[in-house]
Amino acid sequence: MATVARCSDVHEAERLKMRLAAEGIQAFIPHEVMATLAPHHFLHSAGVEIQVADKDEKKAKRLLKKWSRS
């Protein structure tokens, strides 16, 4: 698994996860429950991670970069 993004909250992470799924990339939020129950913890940490399979890393990063520009 490769971390492709870090989001400020679980809602942003879920939106990106759904967008990746629409492109055929299965994404995973490793600390999803913790981010939902204790969001304040992630405000002071590195953020809520989004991970994908190693084989999808390049495509996911390319899409995330494209989406951040639009």
Protein backbone atom coordinates (compact mmCIF):
# COMPACT_ATOMS: atom_id res chain seq x y z
CA MET A 1 0.00 0.00 0.00
CA ALA A 2 1.16 3.50 -0.84
CA THR A 3 -0.02 6.76 0.71
CA VAL A 4 -1.06 9.08 -2.13
CA ALA A 5 -2.67 11.93 -0.18
CA ARG A 6 -3.20 13.41 3.25
CA CYS A 7 -6.42 15.28 3.90
CA SER A 8 -7.39 17.74 6.60
CA ASP A 9 -10.47 15.72 7.58
CA VAL A 10 -12.22 12.42 6.95
CA HIS A 11 -14.89 14.04 4.75
CA GLU A 12 -12.30 15.31 2.29
CA ALA A 13 -10.62 11.89 2.36
CA GLU A 14 -13.95 10.16 1.61
CA ARG A 15 -14.59 12.47 -1.37
CA LEU A 16 -11.19 11.69 -2.85
CA LYS A 17 -11.67 7.98 -2.15
CA MET A 18 -14.95 8.05 -4.11
CA ARG A 19 -13.37 9.97 -7.01
CA LEU A 20 -10.56 7.41 -7.19
CA ALA A 21 -13.11 4.59 -7.12
CA ALA A 22 -14.89 6.20 -10.07
CA GLU A 23 -11.59 5.93 -11.96
CA GLY A 24 -11.25 2.23 -11.09
CA ILE A 25 -8.77 2.69 -8.23
CA GLN A 26 -9.64 1.11 -4.90
CA ALA A 27 -8.54 3.45 -2.12
CA PHE A 28 -8.33 2.85 1.62
CA ILE A 29 -8.40 5.22 4.59
CA PRO A 30 -6.36 3.38 7.23
CA HIS A 31 -7.52 5.43 10.23
CA GLU A 32 -11.06 6.14 9.06
CA VAL A 33 -12.80 5.22 12.31
CA MET A 34 -10.30 7.17 14.42
CA ALA A 35 -10.63 10.22 12.13
CA THR A 36 -14.41 10.05 12.49
CA LEU A 37 -14.45 9.60 16.27
CA ALA A 38 -11.55 11.92 17.14
CA PRO A 39 -11.17 14.43 14.32
CA HIS A 40 -9.28 16.85 16.58
CA HIS A 41 -6.38 14.38 16.67
CA PHE A 42 -5.90 14.69 12.91
CA LEU A 43 -5.99 18.49 12.96
CA HIS A 44 -2.66 18.44 14.79
CA SER A 45 -1.11 15.48 12.97
CA ALA A 46 -0.06 14.84 9.39
CA GLY A 47 -3.69 14.44 8.31
CA VAL A 48 -6.00 11.63 7.24
CA GLU A 49 -4.15 9.33 4.83
CA ILE A 50 -5.49 7.86 1.62
CA GLN A 51 -3.74 4.72 0.43
CA VAL A 52 -3.91 2.68 -2.75
CA ALA A 53 -2.30 -0.53 -3.96
CA ASP A 54 1.29 -0.06 -5.11
CA LYS A 55 0.28 -0.86 -8.69
CA ASP A 56 -2.17 2.10 -8.69
CA GLU A 57 0.12 4.65 -7.04
CA LYS A 58 1.31 6.49 -10.16
CA LYS A 59 -2.16 6.73 -11.71
CA ALA A 60 -3.70 7.90 -8.43
CA LYS A 61 -1.06 10.58 -7.91
CA ARG A 62 -1.47 11.77 -11.49
CA LEU A 63 -5.25 12.07 -11.03
CA LEU A 64 -4.93 13.82 -7.67
CA LYS A 65 -2.53 16.34 -9.16
CA LYS A 66 -4.89 16.94 -12.09
CA TRP A 67 -7.86 17.42 -9.76
CA SER A 68 -5.96 19.84 -7.52
CA ARG A 69 -5.38 22.13 -10.52
CA SER A 70 -9.05 22.28 -11.48
